Protein backbone atom coordinates (compact mmCIF):
# COMPACT_ATOMS: atom_id res chain seq x y z
CA MET A 1 -37.33 -63.13 68.01
CA ALA A 2 -35.71 -61.62 70.61
CA GLY A 3 -31.77 -62.87 71.02
CA GLN A 4 -32.28 -64.80 67.76
CA PHE A 5 -29.18 -64.71 65.33
CA ASP A 6 -29.36 -62.53 62.31
CA ASN A 7 -27.70 -63.96 59.26
CA ARG A 8 -28.65 -61.37 56.61
CA PRO A 9 -24.95 -60.15 55.41
CA GLU A 10 -26.24 -56.84 54.30
CA LYS A 11 -27.11 -56.31 58.57
CA HIS A 12 -23.58 -57.65 59.16
CA LEU A 13 -22.16 -55.20 56.72
CA ARG A 14 -23.93 -51.98 58.12
CA ALA A 15 -23.07 -52.65 61.72
CA LYS A 16 -19.20 -52.83 60.81
CA GLY A 17 -17.19 -49.53 60.41
CA LEU A 18 -15.28 -48.65 57.02
CA GLU A 19 -11.86 -49.49 58.96
CA ARG A 20 -13.52 -53.02 60.08
CA LEU A 21 -14.33 -54.19 56.59
CA GLU A 22 -11.90 -57.25 55.71
CA PRO A 23 -9.96 -56.93 52.39
CA ARG A 24 -11.17 -60.54 51.50
CA VAL A 25 -14.79 -59.40 51.74
CA LEU A 26 -14.07 -56.59 49.75
CA GLY A 27 -11.85 -58.03 47.53
CA GLY A 28 -14.98 -60.82 46.36
CA PHE A 29 -17.50 -58.06 46.27
CA THR A 30 -17.41 -57.85 42.50
CA GLU A 31 -17.57 -61.59 42.01
CA TRP A 32 -20.65 -61.82 44.84
CA LEU A 33 -22.28 -59.20 42.60
CA LEU A 34 -21.95 -60.83 39.10
CA ASP A 35 -22.43 -64.61 40.58
CA SER A 36 -24.70 -64.76 43.58
CA ALA A 37 -26.72 -61.41 42.95
CA GLY A 38 -26.94 -62.36 39.07
CA LEU A 39 -26.40 -58.60 38.15
CA THR A 40 -24.68 -57.97 34.61
CA ALA A 41 -21.06 -56.62 34.04
CA LYS A 42 -22.39 -53.10 33.42
CA THR A 43 -24.69 -52.99 36.13
CA VAL A 44 -22.11 -54.24 38.42
CA GLY A 45 -19.59 -51.33 37.07
CA SER A 46 -22.31 -48.58 37.93
CA ARG A 47 -22.29 -49.97 41.91
CA VAL A 48 -18.49 -50.23 42.07
CA SER A 49 -17.74 -47.04 40.78
CA PRO A 50 -19.78 -44.95 43.49
CA LEU A 51 -17.96 -47.33 46.29
CA LYS A 52 -14.45 -46.18 44.47
CA MET A 53 -15.47 -42.60 44.71
CA PHE A 54 -16.70 -42.72 48.71
CA TRP A 55 -13.49 -44.46 49.68
CA ASP A 56 -11.32 -41.74 47.80
CA TRP A 57 -13.32 -39.02 49.74
CA CYS A 58 -12.77 -40.80 52.84
CA ILE A 59 -9.13 -41.14 52.69
CA ARG A 60 -8.65 -37.54 51.44
CA LYS A 61 -10.76 -36.51 54.65
CA HIS A 62 -8.42 -39.07 56.81
CA ILE A 63 -11.18 -41.22 57.80
CA ILE A 64 -9.39 -44.23 56.54
CA PHE A 65 -6.15 -45.03 55.72
CA GLY A 66 -5.27 -46.35 51.81
CA PRO A 67 -4.79 -47.92 49.65
CA ASN A 68 -8.43 -47.67 47.87
CA PRO A 69 -9.49 -51.61 48.01
CA TRP A 70 -11.66 -50.67 44.79
CA ASP A 71 -9.06 -49.66 42.77
CA GLY A 72 -9.05 -52.06 39.42
CA ALA A 73 -12.13 -53.77 40.85
CA THR A 74 -14.00 -52.77 37.63
CA ARG A 75 -11.55 -53.75 35.35
CA GLY A 76 -12.62 -56.16 32.76
CA LEU A 77 -15.90 -55.35 33.30
CA LYS A 78 -16.52 -53.02 30.31
CA GLN A 79 -15.33 -56.06 28.26
CA GLN A 80 -17.47 -58.40 29.68
CA ALA A 81 -20.60 -56.28 29.26
CA ALA A 82 -19.87 -55.57 25.66
CA ARG A 83 -19.58 -59.78 24.99
CA GLN A 84 -22.90 -59.64 27.20
CA GLY A 85 -24.43 -57.58 25.02
CA ASN A 86 -23.72 -59.25 21.66
CA GLY A 87 -26.83 -59.84 19.64
CA LYS A 88 -29.01 -57.29 21.36
CA PRO A 89 -29.78 -53.94 19.26
CA LYS A 90 -27.35 -51.13 20.22
CA ARG A 91 -28.69 -47.89 21.52
CA ARG A 92 -28.71 -44.97 18.65
CA GLU A 93 -30.04 -42.22 18.03
CA PHE A 94 -33.76 -40.76 17.59
CA SER A 95 -35.20 -40.60 14.05
CA GLU A 96 -36.42 -37.40 12.76
CA ASP A 97 -39.77 -38.98 13.28
CA GLU A 98 -39.30 -39.76 16.57
CA LEU A 99 -37.71 -36.50 17.86
CA LEU A 100 -40.75 -34.31 16.28
CA ALA A 101 -43.24 -36.68 18.03
CA LEU A 102 -41.65 -35.97 21.43
CA LEU A 103 -41.14 -32.41 20.97
CA GLN A 104 -44.79 -32.27 19.90
CA ALA A 105 -45.89 -34.47 22.80
CA ASP A 106 -47.58 -33.00 25.80
CA PRO A 107 -45.47 -34.05 28.84
CA ASP A 108 -48.58 -33.52 31.06
CA ALA A 109 -50.87 -35.25 28.97
CA GLY A 110 -53.09 -37.19 31.75
CA LYS A 111 -50.72 -37.13 34.39
CA ARG A 112 -50.37 -35.47 37.94
CA TRP A 113 -46.71 -34.57 38.42
CA ALA A 114 -44.36 -31.95 38.38
CA TRP A 115 -42.20 -32.87 35.44
CA GLY A 116 -43.88 -31.35 32.22
CA GLN A 117 -41.70 -28.08 32.08
CA VAL A 118 -38.39 -29.74 32.79
CA ILE A 119 -39.12 -32.38 29.98
CA ARG A 120 -39.91 -29.82 27.82
CA ASP A 121 -36.97 -27.59 28.69
CA LEU A 122 -34.18 -30.64 28.61
CA MET A 123 -34.94 -31.59 25.60
CA PRO A 124 -33.98 -29.12 23.22
CA LEU A 125 -31.26 -28.18 25.50
CA ALA A 126 -29.73 -31.71 25.27
CA LEU A 127 -30.43 -31.92 21.16
CA LEU A 128 -28.22 -28.63 20.82
CA THR A 129 -25.67 -28.78 23.27
CA GLY A 130 -24.81 -32.32 23.42
CA ALA A 131 -24.73 -32.66 27.06
CA ARG A 132 -25.02 -35.57 29.46
CA GLU A 133 -28.41 -36.09 30.97
CA ASN A 134 -26.91 -35.46 34.69
CA GLU A 135 -24.91 -32.54 33.16
CA LEU A 136 -28.26 -30.40 32.23
CA CYS A 137 -29.97 -31.26 35.16
CA SER A 138 -27.17 -29.86 37.75
CA LEU A 139 -26.77 -26.71 36.04
CA THR A 140 -26.74 -23.98 38.26
CA VAL A 141 -26.63 -20.32 38.20
CA ASP A 142 -23.12 -19.64 38.32
CA LYS A 143 -22.81 -22.53 35.35
CA VAL A 144 -24.05 -19.97 32.90
CA VAL A 145 -21.45 -17.96 31.19
CA GLN A 146 -21.17 -15.23 28.96
CA LEU A 147 -17.46 -14.45 27.71
CA PRO A 148 -16.23 -11.09 26.76
CA GLY A 149 -16.97 -10.34 23.04
CA SER A 150 -19.17 -13.47 22.45
CA GLU A 151 -22.22 -13.62 20.57
CA LEU A 152 -23.67 -17.17 22.47
CA LEU A 153 -24.08 -17.36 26.20
CA GLY A 154 -22.86 -20.67 27.23
CA ILE A 155 -23.25 -23.44 30.15
CA ALA A 156 -20.15 -24.74 31.88
CA VAL A 157 -19.50 -28.55 33.15
CA LEU A 158 -17.52 -28.04 36.22
CA GLU A 159 -15.52 -31.01 37.72
CA GLU A 160 -18.16 -31.89 40.08
CA ASP A 161 -20.41 -32.82 37.64
CA ALA A 162 -18.10 -34.33 34.63
CA LYS A 163 -18.00 -37.81 34.11
CA THR A 164 -14.07 -37.62 33.21
CA ALA A 165 -11.73 -35.09 32.65
CA SER A 166 -12.45 -34.61 29.40
CA SER A 167 -15.89 -33.45 29.98
CA ILE A 168 -15.25 -30.34 32.09
CA ARG A 169 -15.80 -27.92 29.39
CA ARG A 170 -18.25 -24.91 27.83
CA VAL A 171 -20.43 -25.24 25.45
CA PRO A 172 -22.33 -22.30 23.76
CA LEU A 173 -26.26 -22.17 23.52
CA HIS A 174 -27.95 -21.60 20.18
CA PRO A 175 -30.24 -19.10 19.97
CA LEU A 176 -33.51 -21.56 19.50
CA VAL A 177 -32.54 -22.38 23.02
CA ARG A 178 -31.34 -19.27 25.00
CA PRO A 179 -34.61 -18.05 25.91
CA ILE A 180 -35.26 -21.56 27.91
CA ILE A 181 -31.98 -20.92 29.83
CA GLU A 182 -32.69 -17.00 30.38
CA ARG A 183 -36.28 -17.90 31.71
CA ARG A 184 -34.63 -20.70 34.14
CA LEU A 185 -31.62 -18.21 35.34
CA ALA A 186 -33.77 -15.43 35.93
CA ALA A 187 -36.31 -17.99 38.41
CA ALA A 188 -32.94 -18.88 40.18
CA ILE A 189 -31.37 -15.72 40.67
CA ALA A 190 -34.76 -14.42 41.99
CA THR A 191 -34.26 -17.02 45.01
CA GLY A 192 -30.86 -15.03 45.86
CA GLU A 193 -28.84 -17.78 46.06
CA PRO A 194 -25.33 -17.66 44.10
CA ASP A 195 -25.81 -21.56 43.42
CA ALA A 196 -29.06 -22.04 42.89
CA PRO A 197 -30.34 -24.61 40.59
CA LEU A 198 -31.88 -24.36 37.13
CA PHE A 199 -33.63 -27.05 37.37
CA PRO A 200 -34.81 -27.31 41.11
CA GLU A 201 -37.53 -29.89 39.91
CA CYS A 202 -34.24 -32.61 39.44
CA LYS A 203 -33.72 -33.25 43.14
CA PRO A 204 -30.60 -35.32 43.83
CA GLY A 205 -30.74 -39.12 44.23
CA GLY A 206 -29.46 -42.53 43.50
CA PRO A 207 -26.21 -43.90 45.32
CA ALA A 208 -24.07 -41.09 43.87
CA GLU A 209 -27.25 -38.36 44.69
CA LYS A 210 -26.98 -37.22 41.26
CA ARG A 211 -29.67 -34.79 40.01
CA GLY A 212 -30.28 -36.66 36.67
CA TYR A 213 -31.20 -39.98 38.67
CA TYR A 214 -35.25 -38.92 38.90
CA PHE A 215 -35.62 -37.28 35.86
CA SER A 216 -34.11 -40.16 33.99
CA LYS A 217 -37.10 -42.25 35.36
CA ARG A 218 -39.83 -39.69 34.63
CA PHE A 219 -38.28 -39.09 30.99
CA THR A 220 -38.19 -42.96 30.77
CA GLU A 221 -42.25 -42.84 31.11
CA PHE A 222 -42.75 -40.04 28.79
CA ARG A 223 -40.91 -41.66 26.09
CA ARG A 224 -42.92 -44.80 26.34
CA ASP A 225 -45.81 -43.11 26.62
CA VAL A 226 -45.02 -41.46 23.26
CA LEU A 227 -42.76 -43.82 21.36
CA GLY A 228 -44.40 -47.39 22.90
CA ALA A 229 -42.43 -49.84 24.81
CA GLY A 230 -41.10 -50.88 21.94
CA SER A 231 -38.51 -48.09 22.14
CA ASP A 232 -37.37 -49.64 25.52
CA GLY A 233 -32.99 -50.34 24.71
CA LEU A 234 -33.00 -48.82 21.82
CA VAL A 235 -33.80 -45.08 22.48
CA THR A 236 -33.05 -43.24 25.95
CA PHE A 237 -32.62 -39.51 26.83
CA HIS A 238 -28.67 -39.97 25.83
CA SER A 239 -30.04 -40.54 22.02
CA PHE A 240 -30.46 -36.85 22.17
CA ARG A 241 -26.37 -36.58 22.71
CA LYS A 242 -26.21 -39.41 19.84
CA CYS A 243 -28.42 -36.74 17.50
CA PHE A 244 -26.12 -33.96 18.31
CA GLY A 245 -22.44 -35.96 17.17
CA THR A 246 -24.95 -36.80 13.84
CA PHE A 247 -25.80 -33.42 13.19
CA MET A 248 -22.55 -32.26 13.70
CA ARG A 249 -20.92 -35.05 11.17
CA ARG A 250 -23.73 -33.80 8.52
CA ALA A 251 -22.91 -30.06 8.93
CA ALA A 252 -18.99 -31.13 8.54
CA VAL A 253 -19.98 -32.93 5.57
CA ALA A 254 -22.28 -30.24 4.05
CA GLY A 255 -18.76 -28.20 4.31
CA VAL A 256 -18.92 -26.28 7.76
CA SER A 257 -15.50 -26.63 8.82
CA GLU A 258 -15.80 -25.83 12.73
CA CYS A 259 -18.16 -29.19 12.94
CA GLN A 260 -15.13 -31.53 12.32
CA LEU A 261 -14.47 -34.43 14.70
CA SER A 262 -11.78 -32.67 16.81
CA VAL A 263 -14.71 -29.72 17.57
CA ALA A 264 -17.49 -32.37 18.03
CA GLN A 265 -15.34 -34.08 20.61
CA LYS A 266 -14.50 -31.25 22.53
CA LEU A 267 -17.91 -29.52 22.91
CA MET A 268 -19.22 -33.51 23.62
CA GLY A 269 -16.56 -33.69 26.23
CA HIS A 270 -14.64 -36.63 24.50
CA LYS A 271 -11.02 -37.95 25.36
CA PRO A 272 -8.97 -36.89 22.00
CA GLN A 273 -8.08 -40.44 20.08
CA THR A 274 -4.76 -39.75 18.99
CA ILE A 275 -1.55 -38.88 20.38
CA THR A 276 -1.05 -36.14 18.24
CA GLU A 277 -4.33 -34.35 19.33
CA THR A 278 -3.46 -34.86 23.18
CA ALA A 279 0.05 -33.95 23.19
CA TYR A 280 0.61 -31.45 20.33
CA MET A 281 -2.69 -29.69 20.23
CA GLU A 282 -3.91 -26.77 21.84
CA ALA A 283 -6.48 -28.42 25.05
CA ASP A 284 -8.99 -25.97 24.38
CA MET A 285 -10.44 -24.12 21.14
CA PRO A 286 -11.29 -20.39 20.79
CA TRP A 287 -14.69 -19.67 21.59
CA LYS A 288 -15.48 -18.30 18.29
CA VAL A 289 -14.95 -21.84 16.74
CA TYR A 290 -17.21 -23.55 19.09
CA GLU A 291 -20.17 -20.63 18.52
CA ALA A 292 -19.60 -21.36 14.61
CA ALA A 293 -19.97 -24.88 15.32
CA ILE A 294 -22.82 -24.85 16.93
CA LEU A 295 -24.65 -22.30 14.53
CA GLY A 296 -23.34 -24.42 11.59
CA MET A 297 -24.77 -27.49 12.97
CA VAL A 298 -28.31 -26.25 13.25
CA ASP A 299 -28.26 -24.69 9.80
CA LYS A 300 -26.74 -27.52 8.02
CA GLY A 301 -26.84 -30.51 9.86
CA MET A 302 -30.33 -30.55 11.51
CA PRO A 303 -33.45 -31.44 9.36
CA GLY A 304 -35.47 -28.35 8.71
CA SER A 305 -38.52 -29.55 10.28
CA LEU A 306 -37.08 -29.99 13.56
CA VAL A 307 -35.19 -26.57 13.39
CA ALA A 308 -38.87 -25.18 12.35
CA LYS A 309 -40.30 -27.17 15.33
CA LEU A 310 -37.74 -25.66 18.02
CA GLY A 311 -38.03 -21.69 16.51
């Protein structure tokens, strides 16, 4: 009705400029999400982190003045999320049978959608690079690297797609997945754009406009079709990354020295766990070490059935 007062809080906030939002309102937002909105601590963290990034950007561009009201807003949420998760099954890597089922399945079966080929391409890449979902979906022409004298092509994770500073890295591509990148790269170069995406099907979406946003939903549908709804909460696309870590460890146990934990950490973009590694060791290792690790992981760490399927 015209002239009637609208008491919806979200409409009130949308009508106000950033600089006019009261600190007490912002300060209570995290608690409101936890209590009134009933979200889990993990979900609240995923809501607040993009806000912090957006405010940081606005401050850098002198749109608003600091300090950032979201600094420290997620403190304690990880511990709270861990407590909330006690008793729930932990997410794990895919089993060998599950991997074979996923790799053998046809993502297009019974569906009219544009996701079949990208699902087929990203599963082997995730398995053999250990890269995160959004890191792979965000690959562009300029993120495919060939170092002088190197045997293998590689992919680069740059700052704009890195989850943390440690995530900025380069990962060699095993020959088994090189045809995927070469095919995608040729199509991207043909567009004439220097930073053309290798996976144009993966349109940006979600609060942070990530290219992995819509792909994540489509892969979940595919995974449920193949492994059943009982796999919910146990395995996700991130489970390929867990498999990569598992295969690295198996190869190290089998005698591949380049697959030791410190190398696996570098390839997966994890922060070093000791002061010795952080302060007294080289920040990066020779590319040849990374190449040997990737080759050794497949040779000594992966089940032969998977290698045969990927070949």
